Amino acid sequence: AALRNGLFALAGLGLVADLLGWWLARDYVAFVPVIVAAGATYALSTALSLALIFLELWLPRRR
């Protein structure tokens, strides 16, 4: 449960930081790396969440 909550929190923070970076980069070019880093964080946490969902579906249930 902690891993799942952490991944969703990381994805949410990455998305908010990405949108904030886009907004700030309109006036300040120094925020462009924030867009890259936040987008990568969001994409990686979403991909890892998807991989964990598929693993949970495919692996046999532990007893």
PDB file of N, CA and C in Angstrom:
ATOM      1  N   ALA A   1       0.820  -1.198   0.000  1.00  0.00           N
ATOM      2  CA  ALA A   1       0.000   0.000   0.000  1.00  0.00           C
ATOM      3  C   ALA A   1       0.862   1.259   0.000  1.00  0.00           C
ATOM      4  N   ALA A   2       1.980   1.203   0.727  1.00  0.00           N
ATOM      5  CA  ALA A   2       2.847   2.379   0.803  1.00  0.00           C
ATOM      6  C   ALA A   2       3.491   2.672  -0.550  1.00  0.00           C
ATOM      7  N   LEU A   3       3.882   1.612  -1.269  1.00  0.00           N
ATOM      8  CA  LEU A   3       4.479   1.805  -2.599  1.00  0.00           C
ATOM      9  C   LEU A   3       3.462   2.410  -3.554  1.00  0.00           C
ATOM     10  N   ARG A   4       2.244   1.897  -3.510  1.00  0.00           N
ATOM     11  CA  ARG A   4       1.191   2.408  -4.392  1.00  0.00           C
ATOM     12  C   ARG A   4       0.901   3.876  -4.092  1.00  0.00           C
ATOM     13  N   ASN A   5       0.752   4.206  -2.816  1.00  0.00           N
ATOM     14  CA  ASN A   5       0.473   5.597  -2.454  1.00  0.00           C
ATOM     15  C   ASN A   5       1.630   6.513  -2.823  1.00  0.00           C
ATOM     16  N   GLY A   6       2.846   6.030  -2.638  1.00  0.00           N
ATOM     17  CA  GLY A   6       4.014   6.831  -2.993  1.00  0.00           C
ATOM     18  C   GLY A   6       4.107   7.086  -4.484  1.00  0.00           C
ATOM     19  N   LEU A   7       3.783   6.059  -5.281  1.00  0.00           N
ATOM     20  CA  LEU A   7       3.826   6.232  -6.737  1.00  0.00           C
ATOM     21  C   LEU A   7       2.773   7.223  -7.212  1.00  0.00           C
ATOM     22  N   PHE A   8       1.570   7.132  -6.644  1.00  0.00           N
ATOM     23  CA  PHE A   8       0.526   8.070  -7.053  1.00  0.00           C
ATOM     24  C   PHE A   8       0.857   9.491  -6.604  1.00  0.00           C
ATOM     25  N   ALA A   9       1.457   9.628  -5.427  1.00  0.00           N
ATOM     26  CA  ALA A   9       1.869  10.952  -4.961  1.00  0.00           C
ATOM     27  C   ALA A   9       2.971  11.513  -5.853  1.00  0.00           C
ATOM     28  N   LEU A  10       3.929  10.664  -6.226  1.00  0.00           N
ATOM     29  CA  LEU A  10       5.019  11.101  -7.098  1.00  0.00           C
ATOM     30  C   LEU A  10       4.492  11.512  -8.469  1.00  0.00           C
ATOM     31  N   ALA A  11       3.543  10.749  -8.998  1.00  0.00           N
ATOM     32  CA  ALA A  11       2.948  11.101 -10.291  1.00  0.00           C
ATOM     33  C   ALA A  11       2.199  12.429 -10.193  1.00  0.00           C
ATOM     34  N   GLY A  12       1.460  12.618  -9.118  1.00  0.00           N
ATOM     35  CA  GLY A  12       0.729  13.869  -8.934  1.00  0.00           C
ATOM     36  C   GLY A  12       1.654  15.067  -8.806  1.00  0.00           C
ATOM     37  N   LEU A  13       2.713  14.909  -8.026  1.00  0.00           N
ATOM     38  CA  LEU A  13       3.674  15.998  -7.874  1.00  0.00           C
ATOM     39  C   LEU A  13       4.398  16.284  -9.187  1.00  0.00           C
ATOM     40  N   GLY A  14       4.714  15.225  -9.924  1.00  0.00           N
ATOM     41  CA  GLY A  14       5.359  15.415 -11.219  1.00  0.00           C
ATOM     42  C   GLY A  14       4.472  16.166 -12.191  1.00  0.00           C
ATOM     43  N   LEU A  15       3.190  15.836 -12.182  1.00  0.00           N
ATOM     44  CA  LEU A  15       2.257  16.512 -13.083  1.00  0.00           C
ATOM     45  C   LEU A  15       2.088  17.980 -12.712  1.00  0.00           C
ATOM     46  N   VAL A  16       1.941  18.254 -11.421  1.00  0.00           N
ATOM     47  CA  VAL A  16       1.805  19.646 -10.971  1.00  0.00           C
ATOM     48  C   VAL A  16       3.072  20.440 -11.294  1.00  0.00           C
ATOM     49  N   ALA A  17       4.244  19.842 -11.034  1.00  0.00           N
ATOM     50  CA  ALA A  17       5.504  20.527 -11.331  1.00  0.00           C
ATOM     51  C   ALA A  17       5.666  20.749 -12.831  1.00  0.00           C
ATOM     52  N   ASP A  18       5.208  19.796 -13.642  1.00  0.00           N
ATOM     53  CA  ASP A  18       5.288  19.946 -15.094  1.00  0.00           C
ATOM     54  C   ASP A  18       4.435  21.119 -15.563  1.00  0.00           C
ATOM     55  N   LEU A  19       3.214  21.181 -15.099  1.00  0.00           N
ATOM     56  CA  LEU A  19       2.327  22.285 -15.490  1.00  0.00           C
ATOM     57  C   LEU A  19       2.849  23.625 -14.981  1.00  0.00           C
ATOM     58  N   LEU A  20       3.354  23.637 -13.755  1.00  0.00           N
ATOM     59  CA  LEU A  20       3.924  24.866 -13.207  1.00  0.00           C
ATOM     60  C   LEU A  20       5.163  25.285 -13.999  1.00  0.00           C
ATOM     61  N   GLY A  21       5.969  24.315 -14.399  1.00  0.00           N
ATOM     62  CA  GLY A  21       7.146  24.612 -15.213  1.00  0.00           C
ATOM     63  C   GLY A  21       6.767  25.212 -16.556  1.00  0.00           C
ATOM     64  N   TRP A  22       5.722  24.685 -17.171  1.00  0.00           N
ATOM     65  CA  TRP A  22       5.252  25.249 -18.451  1.00  0.00           C
ATOM     66  C   TRP A  22       4.834  26.703 -18.260  1.00  0.00           C
ATOM     67  N   TRP A  23       4.107  26.934 -17.186  1.00  0.00           N
ATOM     68  CA  TRP A  23       3.602  28.277 -16.933  1.00  0.00           C
ATOM     69  C   TRP A  23       4.749  29.252 -16.678  1.00  0.00           C
ATOM     70  N   LEU A  24       5.736  28.824 -15.874  1.00  0.00           N
ATOM     71  CA  LEU A  24       6.859  29.701 -15.547  1.00  0.00           C
ATOM     72  C   LEU A  24       7.835  29.858 -16.711  1.00  0.00           C
ATOM     73  N   ALA A  25       7.954  28.842 -17.556  1.00  0.00           N
ATOM     74  CA  ALA A  25       8.904  28.896 -18.673  1.00  0.00           C
ATOM     75  C   ALA A  25       8.461  29.867 -19.764  1.00  0.00           C
ATOM     76  N   ARG A  26       7.216  30.292 -19.723  1.00  0.00           N
ATOM     77  CA  ARG A  26       6.783  31.299 -20.699  1.00  0.00           C
ATOM     78  C   ARG A  26       7.570  32.595 -20.540  1.00  0.00           C
ATOM     79  N   ASP A  27       7.913  32.928 -19.293  1.00  0.00           N
ATOM     80  CA  ASP A  27       8.630  34.175 -19.021  1.00  0.00           C
ATOM     81  C   ASP A  27      10.105  33.972 -18.684  1.00  0.00           C
ATOM     82  N   TYR A  28      10.449  32.808 -18.148  1.00  0.00           N
ATOM     83  CA  TYR A  28      11.826  32.558 -17.694  1.00  0.00           C
ATOM     84  C   TYR A  28      12.320  31.245 -18.284  1.00  0.00           C
ATOM     85  N   VAL A  29      13.299  31.336 -19.169  1.00  0.00           N
ATOM     86  CA  VAL A  29      13.817  30.152 -19.857  1.00  0.00           C
ATOM     87  C   VAL A  29      14.514  29.196 -18.882  1.00  0.00           C
ATOM     88  N   ALA A  30      14.883  29.677 -17.716  1.00  0.00           N
ATOM     89  CA  ALA A  30      15.568  28.834 -16.729  1.00  0.00           C
ATOM     90  C   ALA A  30      14.669  27.710 -16.210  1.00  0.00           C
ATOM     91  N   PHE A  31      13.375  27.793 -16.420  1.00  0.00           N
ATOM     92  CA  PHE A  31      12.457  26.766 -15.933  1.00  0.00           C
ATOM     93  C   PHE A  31      12.229  25.635 -16.934  1.00  0.00           C
ATOM     94  N   VAL A  32      12.861  25.697 -18.086  1.00  0.00           N
ATOM     95  CA  VAL A  32      12.716  24.622 -19.074  1.00  0.00           C
ATOM     96  C   VAL A  32      13.210  23.276 -18.530  1.00  0.00           C
ATOM     97  N   PRO A  33      14.349  23.224 -17.808  1.00  0.00           N
ATOM     98  CA  PRO A  33      14.752  21.928 -17.229  1.00  0.00           C
ATOM     99  C   PRO A  33      13.744  21.371 -16.221  1.00  0.00           C
ATOM    100  N   VAL A  34      12.984  22.246 -15.584  1.00  0.00           N
ATOM    101  CA  VAL A  34      11.939  21.781 -14.664  1.00  0.00           C
ATOM    102  C   VAL A  34      10.885  21.002 -15.442  1.00  0.00           C
ATOM    103  N   ILE A  35      10.550  21.466 -16.629  1.00  0.00           N
ATOM    104  CA  ILE A  35       9.578  20.767 -17.469  1.00  0.00           C
ATOM    105  C   ILE A  35      10.089  19.376 -17.810  1.00  0.00           C
ATOM    106  N   VAL A  36      11.355  19.285 -18.177  1.00  0.00           N
ATOM    107  CA  VAL A  36      11.944  17.998 -18.554  1.00  0.00           C
ATOM    108  C   VAL A  36      11.966  17.045 -17.363  1.00  0.00           C
ATOM    109  N   ALA A  37      12.456  17.522 -16.224  1.00  0.00           N
ATOM    110  CA  ALA A  37      12.568  16.663 -15.043  1.00  0.00           C
ATOM    111  C   ALA A  37      11.198  16.244 -14.516  1.00  0.00           C
ATOM    112  N   ALA A  38      10.267  17.178 -14.464  1.00  0.00           N
ATOM    113  CA  ALA A  38       8.937  16.857 -13.953  1.00  0.00           C
ATOM    114  C   ALA A  38       8.192  15.930 -14.909  1.00  0.00           C
ATOM    115  N   GLY A  39       8.342  16.145 -16.195  1.00  0.00           N
ATOM    116  CA  GLY A  39       7.710  15.255 -17.169  1.00  0.00           C
ATOM    117  C   GLY A  39       8.272  13.854 -17.095  1.00  0.00           C
ATOM    118  N   ALA A  40       9.581  13.751 -16.911  1.00  0.00           N
ATOM    119  CA  ALA A  40      10.205  12.434 -16.768  1.00  0.00           C
ATOM    120  C   ALA A  40       9.743  11.746 -15.490  1.00  0.00           C
ATOM    121  N   THR A  41       9.629  12.505 -14.414  1.00  0.00           N
ATOM    122  CA  THR A  41       9.143  11.944 -13.148  1.00  0.00           C
ATOM    123  C   THR A  41       7.726  11.419 -13.304  1.00  0.00           C
ATOM    124  N   TYR A  42       6.871  12.201 -13.932  1.00  0.00           N
ATOM    125  CA  TYR A  42       5.489  11.774 -14.144  1.00  0.00           C
ATOM    126  C   TYR A  42       5.427  10.533 -15.031  1.00  0.00           C
ATOM    127  N   ALA A  43       6.175  10.545 -16.117  1.00  0.00           N
ATOM    128  CA  ALA A  43       6.144   9.417 -17.050  1.00  0.00           C
ATOM    129  C   ALA A  43       6.678   8.140 -16.408  1.00  0.00           C
ATOM    130  N   LEU A  44       7.780   8.240 -15.682  1.00  0.00           N
ATOM    131  CA  LEU A  44       8.356   7.048 -15.050  1.00  0.00           C
ATOM    132  C   LEU A  44       7.461   6.492 -13.950  1.00  0.00           C
ATOM    133  N   SER A  45       6.874   7.361 -13.144  1.00  0.00           N
ATOM    134  CA  SER A  45       6.000   6.864 -12.085  1.00  0.00           C
ATOM    135  C   SER A  45       4.721   6.262 -12.661  1.00  0.00           C
ATOM    136  N   THR A  46       4.218   6.823 -13.740  1.00  0.00           N
ATOM    137  CA  THR A  46       3.042   6.251 -14.392  1.00  0.00           C
ATOM    138  C   THR A  46       3.372   4.904 -15.028  1.00  0.00           C
ATOM    139  N   ALA A  47       4.529   4.804 -15.681  1.00  0.00           N
ATOM    140  CA  ALA A  47       4.940   3.535 -16.295  1.00  0.00           C
ATOM    141  C   ALA A  47       5.167   2.463 -15.236  1.00  0.00           C
ATOM    142  N   LEU A  48       5.784   2.828 -14.123  1.00  0.00           N
ATOM    143  CA  LEU A  48       6.002   1.859 -13.051  1.00  0.00           C
ATOM    144  C   LEU A  48       4.679   1.418 -12.437  1.00  0.00           C
ATOM    145  N   SER A  49       3.745   2.342 -12.277  1.00  0.00           N
ATOM    146  CA  SER A  49       2.417   1.980 -11.768  1.00  0.00           C
ATOM    147  C   SER A  49       1.725   1.002 -12.704  1.00  0.00           C
ATOM    148  N   LEU A  50       1.811   1.258 -14.000  1.00  0.00           N
ATOM    149  CA  LEU A  50       1.200   0.366 -14.982  1.00  0.00           C
ATOM    150  C   LEU A  50       1.851  -1.011 -14.950  1.00  0.00           C
ATOM    151  N   ALA A  51       3.178  -1.050 -14.837  1.00  0.00           N
ATOM    152  CA  ALA A  51       3.884  -2.332 -14.761  1.00  0.00           C
ATOM    153  C   ALA A  51       3.473  -3.106 -13.514  1.00  0.00           C
ATOM    154  N   LEU A  52       3.325  -2.423 -12.398  1.00  0.00           N
ATOM    155  CA  LEU A  52       2.910  -3.102 -11.167  1.00  0.00           C
ATOM    156  C   LEU A  52       1.474  -3.610 -11.264  1.00  0.00           C
ATOM    157  N   ILE A  53       0.625  -2.873 -11.948  1.00  0.00           N
ATOM    158  CA  ILE A  53      -0.757  -3.329 -12.149  1.00  0.00           C
ATOM    159  C   ILE A  53      -0.773  -4.611 -12.969  1.00  0.00           C
ATOM    160  N   PHE A  54       0.006  -4.646 -14.064  1.00  0.00           N
ATOM    161  CA  PHE A  54       0.057  -5.858 -14.884  1.00  0.00           C
ATOM    162  C   PHE A  54       0.661  -7.026 -14.126  1.00  0.00           C
ATOM    163  N   LEU A  55       1.690  -6.773 -13.328  1.00  0.00           N
ATOM    164  CA  LEU A  55       2.268  -7.851 -12.523  1.00  0.00           C
ATOM    165  C   LEU A  55       1.251  -8.412 -11.543  1.00  0.00           C
ATOM    166  N   GLU A  56       0.469  -7.535 -10.940  1.00  0.00           N
ATOM    167  CA  GLU A  56      -0.552  -7.994  -9.998  1.00  0.00           C
ATOM    168  C   GLU A  56      -1.622  -8.826 -10.712  1.00  0.00           C
ATOM    169  N   LEU A  57      -1.920  -8.476 -11.956  1.00  0.00           N
ATOM    170  CA  LEU A  57      -2.912  -9.239 -12.712  1.00  0.00           C
ATOM    171  C   LEU A  57      -2.379 -10.595 -13.155  1.00  0.00           C
ATOM    172  N   TRP A  58      -1.112 -10.655 -13.545  1.00  0.00           N
ATOM    173  CA  TRP A  58      -0.570 -11.869 -14.150  1.00  0.00           C
ATOM    174  C   TRP A  58       0.013 -12.854 -13.149  1.00  0.00           C
ATOM    175  N   LEU A  59       0.576 -12.363 -12.059  1.00  0.00           N
ATOM    176  CA  LEU A  59       1.197 -13.270 -11.097  1.00  0.00           C
ATOM    177  C   LEU A  59       0.126 -13.952 -10.253  1.00  0.00           C
ATOM    178  N   PRO A  60       0.380 -15.203  -9.860  1.00  0.00           N
ATOM    179  CA  PRO A  60      -0.609 -15.886  -9.018  1.00  0.00           C
ATOM    180  C   PRO A  60      -0.724 -15.199  -7.658  1.00  0.00           C
ATOM    181  N   ARG A  61      -1.906 -15.318  -7.089  1.00  0.00           N
ATOM    182  CA  ARG A  61      -2.182 -14.701  -5.798  1.00  0.00           C
ATOM    183  C   ARG A  61      -1.416 -15.428  -4.701  1.00  0.00           C
ATOM    184  N   ARG A  62      -0.806 -14.661  -3.802  1.00  0.00           N
ATOM    185  CA  ARG A  62      -0.090 -15.266  -2.674  1.00  0.00           C
ATOM    186  C   ARG A  62      -1.076 -15.708  -1.614  1.00  0.00           C
ATOM    187  N   ARG A  63      -0.799 -16.863  -1.007  1.00  0.00           N
ATOM    188  CA  ARG A  63      -1.707 -17.363   0.038  1.00  0.00           C
ATOM    189  C   ARG A  63      -1.037 -17.386   1.365  1.00  0.00           C
TER     190      ARG A  63
END
